Amino acid sequence: MKVQEVMTSNVKSCLPETNLAAAAAIMWENDRGALPVVDEAGKVLGMITDRDICIAVATRGRLASEIMVSEVISGRVYTCAQEDDIKDALQTMRQEKVRRLPVIDSDGRFQGILSTDDIVLSAEESQGKRIPDLSYEDAISTLKAIGEPRRLHRAAGI
């Protein structure tokens, strides 16, 4: 199964110069908890979450309309391609502990999002010897890996 069979398309994004109030409005209007941040060419630069916005506004002593997305996002973003096997994308999510992967095309332009919601909603129950391309077990193991606190990894030397 390919990522494009599971991902959500037509996802809104924002630019680095978008202010946090505008980013929050986009999230609110589209019932999303995160937005990909893209450049003018549509290449993914990062992700911003509702949590990022809350913490930035609470700790910076400035209005959300005065803080730009570029001030909040980290420089590290993990992506997958539309043609990637879903199991490879799940492995990235597990390893990097991310709930969402921006999906890019062969030119590196933003095409959509692969989220844990997409995975859970697309997963199927194994029946007898028939193992689906995306099983409940795949979904649960991914959620468990993402949810495990990072400090447990550090303590285990991982």
N, C-alpha and C. Protein backbone atom coordinates (compact mmCIF):
# COMPACT_ATOMS: atom_id res chain seq x y z
N MET A 1 0.85 -1.17 0.00
CA MET A 1 0.00 0.00 0.00
C MET A 1 0.89 1.24 0.00
N LYS A 2 0.51 2.20 -0.80
CA LYS A 2 1.28 3.45 -0.92
C LYS A 2 0.69 4.54 -0.04
N VAL A 3 1.53 5.48 0.35
CA VAL A 3 1.11 6.60 1.19
C VAL A 3 -0.08 7.33 0.55
N GLN A 4 -0.05 7.52 -0.76
CA GLN A 4 -1.12 8.27 -1.42
C GLN A 4 -2.51 7.65 -1.25
N GLU A 5 -2.56 6.37 -0.91
CA GLU A 5 -3.85 5.70 -0.69
C GLU A 5 -4.43 5.99 0.70
N VAL A 6 -3.62 6.52 1.59
CA VAL A 6 -4.02 6.73 2.98
C VAL A 6 -4.03 8.21 3.35
N MET A 7 -3.19 9.01 2.76
CA MET A 7 -2.98 10.41 3.13
C MET A 7 -4.23 11.27 2.92
N THR A 8 -4.22 12.43 3.55
CA THR A 8 -5.24 13.44 3.34
C THR A 8 -4.68 14.47 2.37
N SER A 9 -5.41 14.71 1.29
CA SER A 9 -5.02 15.72 0.30
C SER A 9 -5.75 17.02 0.60
N ASN A 10 -5.47 18.03 -0.18
CA ASN A 10 -6.15 19.33 -0.04
C ASN A 10 -6.03 19.89 1.37
N VAL A 11 -4.85 19.81 1.93
CA VAL A 11 -4.58 20.30 3.27
C VAL A 11 -4.04 21.73 3.15
N LYS A 12 -4.54 22.61 3.99
CA LYS A 12 -4.06 23.99 4.01
C LYS A 12 -2.66 24.03 4.60
N SER A 13 -1.91 25.04 4.20
CA SER A 13 -0.56 25.26 4.72
C SER A 13 -0.41 26.75 5.00
N CYS A 14 0.74 27.12 5.51
CA CYS A 14 1.03 28.53 5.72
C CYS A 14 2.48 28.80 5.34
N LEU A 15 2.81 30.07 5.27
CA LEU A 15 4.16 30.51 4.93
C LEU A 15 4.91 30.87 6.21
N PRO A 16 6.24 30.94 6.16
CA PRO A 16 7.00 31.30 7.36
C PRO A 16 6.65 32.69 7.89
N GLU A 17 6.25 33.59 6.99
CA GLU A 17 5.91 34.96 7.42
C GLU A 17 4.46 35.11 7.88
N THR A 18 3.72 34.02 7.93
CA THR A 18 2.37 34.04 8.50
C THR A 18 2.49 34.26 10.00
N ASN A 19 1.63 35.10 10.56
CA ASN A 19 1.69 35.29 12.01
C ASN A 19 0.89 34.18 12.71
N LEU A 20 1.15 34.00 13.99
CA LEU A 20 0.54 32.89 14.72
C LEU A 20 -0.98 33.02 14.81
N ALA A 21 -1.50 34.23 14.87
CA ALA A 21 -2.95 34.41 14.91
C ALA A 21 -3.58 33.90 13.61
N ALA A 22 -2.96 34.21 12.49
CA ALA A 22 -3.48 33.76 11.20
C ALA A 22 -3.34 32.25 11.06
N ALA A 23 -2.22 31.69 11.53
CA ALA A 23 -2.03 30.23 11.49
C ALA A 23 -3.09 29.53 12.35
N ALA A 24 -3.35 30.07 13.53
CA ALA A 24 -4.38 29.50 14.41
C ALA A 24 -5.76 29.58 13.75
N ALA A 25 -6.03 30.66 13.05
CA ALA A 25 -7.33 30.81 12.36
C ALA A 25 -7.48 29.76 11.27
N ILE A 26 -6.40 29.50 10.53
CA ILE A 26 -6.44 28.46 9.49
C ILE A 26 -6.72 27.10 10.13
N MET A 27 -6.05 26.82 11.23
CA MET A 27 -6.29 25.56 11.94
C MET A 27 -7.74 25.45 12.39
N TRP A 28 -8.25 26.52 12.99
CA TRP A 28 -9.62 26.53 13.50
C TRP A 28 -10.63 26.30 12.36
N GLU A 29 -10.47 27.04 11.27
CA GLU A 29 -11.40 26.96 10.14
C GLU A 29 -11.38 25.60 9.45
N ASN A 30 -10.26 24.89 9.55
CA ASN A 30 -10.12 23.61 8.86
C ASN A 30 -10.09 22.42 9.81
N ASP A 31 -10.37 22.65 11.09
CA ASP A 31 -10.42 21.60 12.09
C ASP A 31 -9.13 20.77 12.11
N ARG A 32 -8.01 21.46 12.18
CA ARG A 32 -6.69 20.83 12.20
C ARG A 32 -5.91 21.30 13.41
N GLY A 33 -5.02 20.46 13.88
CA GLY A 33 -4.16 20.81 15.01
C GLY A 33 -2.75 21.14 14.59
N ALA A 34 -2.50 21.12 13.28
CA ALA A 34 -1.15 21.40 12.77
C ALA A 34 -1.25 21.88 11.33
N LEU A 35 -0.24 22.64 10.94
CA LEU A 35 -0.14 23.12 9.56
C LEU A 35 1.28 22.91 9.04
N PRO A 36 1.41 22.45 7.81
CA PRO A 36 2.72 22.46 7.19
C PRO A 36 3.11 23.90 6.88
N VAL A 37 4.36 24.19 7.00
CA VAL A 37 4.89 25.50 6.66
C VAL A 37 5.69 25.31 5.37
N VAL A 38 5.30 26.05 4.33
CA VAL A 38 5.93 25.88 3.02
C VAL A 38 6.49 27.21 2.54
N ASP A 39 7.45 27.12 1.62
CA ASP A 39 7.97 28.33 1.01
C ASP A 39 7.11 28.68 -0.21
N GLU A 40 7.49 29.74 -0.91
CA GLU A 40 6.72 30.21 -2.07
C GLU A 40 6.62 29.15 -3.17
N ALA A 41 7.59 28.25 -3.24
CA ALA A 41 7.60 27.20 -4.26
C ALA A 41 6.82 25.96 -3.81
N GLY A 42 6.30 25.97 -2.59
CA GLY A 42 5.54 24.83 -2.09
C GLY A 42 6.38 23.76 -1.43
N LYS A 43 7.65 24.05 -1.16
CA LYS A 43 8.52 23.08 -0.48
C LYS A 43 8.33 23.19 1.03
N VAL A 44 8.26 22.05 1.68
CA VAL A 44 7.99 22.00 3.11
C VAL A 44 9.21 22.43 3.90
N LEU A 45 9.00 23.41 4.79
CA LEU A 45 10.06 23.91 5.66
C LEU A 45 9.93 23.40 7.09
N GLY A 46 8.70 23.04 7.47
CA GLY A 46 8.46 22.60 8.83
C GLY A 46 6.99 22.41 9.08
N MET A 47 6.66 22.20 10.34
CA MET A 47 5.27 22.05 10.79
C MET A 47 5.08 22.96 11.99
N ILE A 48 3.87 23.47 12.14
CA ILE A 48 3.52 24.22 13.34
C ILE A 48 2.24 23.61 13.90
N THR A 49 2.21 23.42 15.21
CA THR A 49 1.06 22.82 15.85
C THR A 49 0.34 23.85 16.72
N ASP A 50 -0.88 23.52 17.10
CA ASP A 50 -1.61 24.38 18.02
C ASP A 50 -0.86 24.50 19.35
N ARG A 51 -0.20 23.44 19.75
CA ARG A 51 0.61 23.47 20.97
C ARG A 51 1.78 24.46 20.83
N ASP A 52 2.45 24.43 19.68
CA ASP A 52 3.54 25.39 19.43
C ASP A 52 3.05 26.82 19.59
N ILE A 53 1.87 27.09 19.04
CA ILE A 53 1.30 28.44 19.10
C ILE A 53 1.00 28.83 20.54
N CYS A 54 0.37 27.95 21.28
CA CYS A 54 0.03 28.24 22.68
C CYS A 54 1.27 28.53 23.52
N ILE A 55 2.28 27.70 23.38
CA ILE A 55 3.49 27.89 24.18
C ILE A 55 4.21 29.17 23.77
N ALA A 56 4.28 29.45 22.48
CA ALA A 56 4.95 30.68 22.02
C ALA A 56 4.24 31.92 22.56
N VAL A 57 2.93 31.95 22.47
CA VAL A 57 2.18 33.11 22.95
C VAL A 57 2.30 33.24 24.47
N ALA A 58 2.28 32.13 25.17
CA ALA A 58 2.35 32.16 26.63
C ALA A 58 3.73 32.55 27.15
N THR A 59 4.77 32.31 26.38
CA THR A 59 6.13 32.52 26.90
C THR A 59 6.86 33.73 26.30
N ARG A 60 6.34 34.33 25.27
CA ARG A 60 7.09 35.40 24.59
C ARG A 60 6.63 36.80 24.94
N GLY A 61 5.54 36.93 25.63
CA GLY A 61 5.09 38.27 26.04
C GLY A 61 4.68 39.15 24.88
N ARG A 62 4.25 38.53 23.80
CA ARG A 62 3.80 39.28 22.62
C ARG A 62 2.48 38.69 22.14
N LEU A 63 1.74 39.48 21.40
CA LEU A 63 0.50 38.99 20.83
C LEU A 63 0.77 37.96 19.74
N ALA A 64 -0.17 37.06 19.54
CA ALA A 64 -0.03 36.05 18.48
C ALA A 64 0.14 36.71 17.11
N SER A 65 -0.49 37.85 16.91
CA SER A 65 -0.39 38.55 15.63
C SER A 65 0.98 39.19 15.42
N GLU A 66 1.81 39.24 16.46
CA GLU A 66 3.15 39.83 16.37
C GLU A 66 4.25 38.78 16.23
N ILE A 67 3.90 37.52 16.35
CA ILE A 67 4.90 36.44 16.30
C ILE A 67 4.74 35.70 14.97
N MET A 68 5.81 35.58 14.23
CA MET A 68 5.77 34.90 12.93
C MET A 68 6.01 33.40 13.11
N VAL A 69 5.42 32.63 12.24
CA VAL A 69 5.58 31.17 12.25
C VAL A 69 7.06 30.81 12.20
N SER A 70 7.84 31.55 11.43
CA SER A 70 9.28 31.25 11.30
C SER A 70 10.02 31.32 12.63
N GLU A 71 9.49 32.06 13.60
CA GLU A 71 10.12 32.17 14.92
C GLU A 71 9.85 30.94 15.78
N VAL A 72 8.86 30.14 15.40
CA VAL A 72 8.40 29.06 16.26
C VAL A 72 8.78 27.67 15.74
N ILE A 73 8.76 27.49 14.42
CA ILE A 73 9.02 26.15 13.90
C ILE A 73 10.48 25.75 14.08
N SER A 74 10.69 24.46 14.21
CA SER A 74 12.05 23.96 14.29
C SER A 74 12.57 23.76 12.86
N GLY A 75 13.84 23.66 12.71
CA GLY A 75 14.44 23.46 11.41
C GLY A 75 14.37 22.02 10.93
N ARG A 76 13.86 21.14 11.76
CA ARG A 76 13.84 19.71 11.44
C ARG A 76 12.43 19.29 11.04
N VAL A 77 12.28 18.74 9.85
CA VAL A 77 10.98 18.24 9.41
C VAL A 77 11.19 16.90 8.72
N TYR A 78 10.30 15.98 9.00
CA TYR A 78 10.36 14.66 8.38
C TYR A 78 9.20 14.57 7.39
N THR A 79 9.47 14.03 6.23
CA THR A 79 8.45 13.93 5.18
C THR A 79 8.42 12.52 4.63
N CYS A 80 7.43 12.27 3.81
CA CYS A 80 7.38 11.04 3.03
C CYS A 80 6.88 11.41 1.65
N ALA A 81 7.05 10.51 0.71
CA ALA A 81 6.60 10.75 -0.66
C ALA A 81 5.31 9.99 -0.92
N GLN A 82 4.54 10.47 -1.85
CA GLN A 82 3.28 9.84 -2.21
C GLN A 82 3.47 8.36 -2.58
N GLU A 83 4.57 8.05 -3.23
CA GLU A 83 4.83 6.70 -3.72
C GLU A 83 5.47 5.79 -2.68
N ASP A 84 5.82 6.34 -1.51
CA ASP A 84 6.44 5.52 -0.46
C ASP A 84 5.48 4.44 0.02
N ASP A 85 6.04 3.32 0.42
CA ASP A 85 5.25 2.28 1.04
C ASP A 85 4.79 2.78 2.41
N ILE A 86 3.55 2.51 2.75
CA ILE A 86 2.99 2.98 4.02
C ILE A 86 3.80 2.47 5.21
N LYS A 87 4.35 1.28 5.12
CA LYS A 87 5.13 0.72 6.25
C LYS A 87 6.41 1.54 6.49
N ASP A 88 7.01 2.05 5.41
CA ASP A 88 8.19 2.91 5.56
C ASP A 88 7.82 4.22 6.25
N ALA A 89 6.68 4.78 5.87
CA ALA A 89 6.22 6.02 6.50
C ALA A 89 5.93 5.79 7.98
N LEU A 90 5.30 4.67 8.30
CA LEU A 90 5.03 4.35 9.71
C LEU A 90 6.32 4.22 10.50
N GLN A 91 7.33 3.62 9.90
CA GLN A 91 8.61 3.48 10.57
C GLN A 91 9.22 4.86 10.88
N THR A 92 9.11 5.78 9.94
CA THR A 92 9.60 7.15 10.18
C THR A 92 8.84 7.78 11.34
N MET A 93 7.53 7.62 11.35
CA MET A 93 6.72 8.19 12.43
C MET A 93 7.12 7.61 13.78
N ARG A 94 7.33 6.30 13.82
CA ARG A 94 7.73 5.64 15.07
C ARG A 94 9.09 6.14 15.54
N GLN A 95 10.03 6.11 14.64
CA GLN A 95 11.41 6.46 14.98
C GLN A 95 11.54 7.92 15.39
N GLU A 96 10.88 8.80 14.67
CA GLU A 96 11.03 10.24 14.93
C GLU A 96 9.98 10.78 15.89
N LYS A 97 9.01 9.91 16.29
CA LYS A 97 7.97 10.28 17.24
C LYS A 97 7.16 11.47 16.75
N VAL A 98 6.67 11.37 15.52
CA VAL A 98 5.85 12.43 14.94
C VAL A 98 4.48 11.87 14.58
N ARG A 99 3.47 12.66 14.81
CA ARG A 99 2.09 12.27 14.54
C ARG A 99 1.65 12.56 13.11
N ARG A 100 2.43 13.36 12.42
CA ARG A 100 2.08 13.75 11.06
C ARG A 100 3.33 13.84 10.21
N LEU A 101 3.18 13.41 8.98
CA LEU A 101 4.26 13.56 8.00
C LEU A 101 3.71 14.33 6.80
N PRO A 102 4.31 15.47 6.47
CA PRO A 102 3.93 16.11 5.22
C PRO A 102 4.30 15.17 4.07
N VAL A 103 3.44 15.10 3.09
CA VAL A 103 3.66 14.26 1.92
C VAL A 103 4.08 15.16 0.77
N ILE A 104 5.17 14.77 0.12
CA ILE A 104 5.71 15.58 -0.98
C ILE A 104 5.68 14.79 -2.29
N ASP A 105 5.73 15.53 -3.39
CA ASP A 105 5.81 14.88 -4.70
C ASP A 105 7.28 14.71 -5.09
N SER A 106 7.51 14.23 -6.29
CA SER A 106 8.89 13.95 -6.72
C SER A 106 9.75 15.21 -6.83
N ASP A 107 9.10 16.39 -6.90
CA ASP A 107 9.84 17.66 -6.93
C ASP A 107 9.98 18.29 -5.55
N GLY A 108 9.52 17.57 -4.52
CA GLY A 108 9.64 18.07 -3.16
C GLY A 108 8.56 19.05 -2.74
N ARG A 109 7.49 19.18 -3.53
CA ARG A 109 6.42 20.10 -3.21
C ARG A 109 5.34 19.42 -2.37
N PHE A 110 4.77 20.18 -1.47
CA PHE A 110 3.76 19.69 -0.54
C PHE A 110 2.51 19.20 -1.28
N GLN A 111 2.05 17.99 -0.90
CA GLN A 111 0.87 17.39 -1.53
C GLN A 111 -0.23 17.03 -0.54
N GLY A 112 0.11 16.89 0.72
CA GLY A 112 -0.88 16.49 1.71
C GLY A 112 -0.20 16.06 3.00
N ILE A 113 -0.98 15.41 3.85
CA ILE A 113 -0.49 14.98 5.17
C ILE A 113 -0.84 13.52 5.38
N LEU A 114 0.09 12.81 5.97
CA LEU A 114 -0.19 11.47 6.49
C LEU A 114 -0.20 11.63 8.01
N SER A 115 -1.35 11.39 8.62
CA SER A 115 -1.48 11.57 10.07
C SER A 115 -1.83 10.25 10.73
N THR A 116 -1.68 10.23 12.04
CA THR A 116 -2.09 9.04 12.78
C THR A 116 -3.59 8.80 12.61
N ASP A 117 -4.37 9.87 12.46
CA ASP A 117 -5.81 9.69 12.19
C ASP A 117 -6.01 8.94 10.88
N ASP A 118 -5.28 9.32 9.84
CA ASP A 118 -5.39 8.63 8.55
C ASP A 118 -5.07 7.15 8.69
N ILE A 119 -4.04 6.87 9.47
CA ILE A 119 -3.60 5.49 9.65
C ILE A 119 -4.67 4.67 10.38
N VAL A 120 -5.17 5.20 11.48
CA VAL A 120 -6.18 4.49 12.25
C VAL A 120 -7.43 4.27 11.40
N LEU A 121 -7.86 5.28 10.68
CA LEU A 121 -9.09 5.16 9.88
C LEU A 121 -8.93 4.21 8.68
N SER A 122 -7.70 4.01 8.23
CA SER A 122 -7.46 3.12 7.08
C SER A 122 -7.08 1.70 7.48
N ALA A 123 -6.74 1.52 8.74
CA ALA A 123 -6.30 0.19 9.20
C ALA A 123 -7.46 -0.80 9.16
N GLU A 124 -7.11 -2.06 8.95
CA GLU A 124 -8.09 -3.13 8.89
C GLU A 124 -7.70 -4.24 9.85
N GLU A 125 -8.68 -4.97 10.28
CA GLU A 125 -8.46 -6.09 11.18
C GLU A 125 -7.94 -7.29 10.39
N SER A 126 -6.95 -7.96 10.95
CA SER A 126 -6.48 -9.22 10.35
C SER A 126 -7.57 -10.26 10.52
N GLN A 127 -7.81 -11.04 9.49
CA GLN A 127 -8.84 -12.08 9.58
C GLN A 127 -8.25 -13.40 9.12
N GLY A 128 -8.06 -14.29 10.08
CA GLY A 128 -7.46 -15.58 9.77
C GLY A 128 -6.04 -15.39 9.27
N LYS A 129 -5.75 -15.97 8.12
CA LYS A 129 -4.41 -15.85 7.55
C LYS A 129 -4.26 -14.60 6.70
N ARG A 130 -5.37 -13.89 6.48
CA ARG A 130 -5.33 -12.67 5.66
C ARG A 130 -4.82 -11.51 6.51
N ILE A 131 -3.68 -10.98 6.13
CA ILE A 131 -3.09 -9.82 6.81
C ILE A 131 -3.27 -8.62 5.88
N PRO A 132 -3.97 -7.59 6.32
CA PRO A 132 -4.16 -6.42 5.46
C PRO A 132 -2.86 -5.64 5.25
N ASP A 133 -2.84 -4.81 4.22
CA ASP A 133 -1.67 -3.97 3.96
C ASP A 133 -1.38 -3.01 5.11
N LEU A 134 -2.44 -2.57 5.77
CA LEU A 134 -2.32 -1.69 6.93
C LEU A 134 -3.23 -2.26 8.02
N SER A 135 -2.62 -2.91 8.99
CA SER A 135 -3.38 -3.64 10.00
C SER A 135 -3.58 -2.79 11.26
N TYR A 136 -4.53 -3.24 12.09
CA TYR A 136 -4.72 -2.63 13.40
C TYR A 136 -3.42 -2.68 14.18
N GLU A 137 -2.70 -3.78 14.05
CA GLU A 137 -1.42 -3.93 14.77
C GLU A 137 -0.41 -2.87 14.33
N ASP A 138 -0.37 -2.58 13.02
CA ASP A 138 0.51 -1.52 12.51
C ASP A 138 0.14 -0.18 13.14
N ALA A 139 -1.15 0.10 13.18
CA ALA A 139 -1.62 1.38 13.71
C ALA A 139 -1.29 1.50 15.20
N ILE A 140 -1.60 0.47 15.97
CA ILE A 140 -1.37 0.53 17.41
C ILE A 140 0.12 0.59 17.74
N SER A 141 0.94 -0.18 17.05
CA SER A 141 2.38 -0.14 17.34
C SER A 141 2.96 1.24 17.02
N THR A 142 2.42 1.88 15.99
CA THR A 142 2.88 3.23 15.65
C THR A 142 2.46 4.22 16.73
N LEU A 143 1.21 4.17 17.14
CA LEU A 143 0.73 5.06 18.20
C LEU A 143 1.51 4.86 19.50
N LYS A 144 1.79 3.61 19.86
CA LYS A 144 2.55 3.33 21.08
C LYS A 144 3.96 3.91 20.99
N ALA A 145 4.61 3.73 19.86
CA ALA A 145 5.98 4.23 19.70
C ALA A 145 6.02 5.75 19.76
N ILE A 146 5.05 6.39 19.14
CA ILE A 146 4.99 7.86 19.15
C ILE A 146 4.72 8.36 20.56
N GLY A 147 3.85 7.68 21.28
CA GLY A 147 3.44 8.11 22.60
C GLY A 147 4.43 7.85 23.71
N GLU A 148 5.40 6.97 23.46
CA GLU A 148 6.39 6.66 24.49
C GLU A 148 7.25 7.88 24.76
N PRO A 149 7.37 8.28 26.02
CA PRO A 149 8.18 9.47 26.33
C PRO A 149 9.62 9.32 25.83
N ARG A 150 10.15 10.41 25.33
CA ARG A 150 11.53 10.41 24.82
C ARG A 150 12.53 10.07 25.91
N ARG A 151 12.24 10.44 27.13
CA ARG A 151 13.19 10.16 28.22
C ARG A 151 13.41 8.67 28.40
N LEU A 152 12.42 7.85 28.07
CA LEU A 152 12.61 6.41 28.15
C LEU A 152 13.62 5.95 27.12
N HIS A 153 13.62 6.59 25.97
CA HIS A 153 14.61 6.26 24.94
C HIS A 153 16.02 6.62 25.43
N ARG A 154 16.13 7.81 26.03
CA ARG A 154 17.44 8.24 26.50
C ARG A 154 17.95 7.33 27.60
N ALA A 155 17.06 6.95 28.52
CA ALA A 155 17.46 6.10 29.63
C ALA A 155 17.89 4.72 29.14
N ALA A 156 17.28 4.28 28.06
CA ALA A 156 17.61 2.96 27.51
C ALA A 156 18.82 3.03 26.56
N GLY A 157 19.34 4.23 26.36
CA GLY A 157 20.50 4.38 25.48
C GLY A 157 20.15 4.35 24.01
N ILE A 158 18.88 4.61 23.69
CA ILE A 158 18.42 4.57 22.29
C ILE A 158 18.51 5.96 21.70
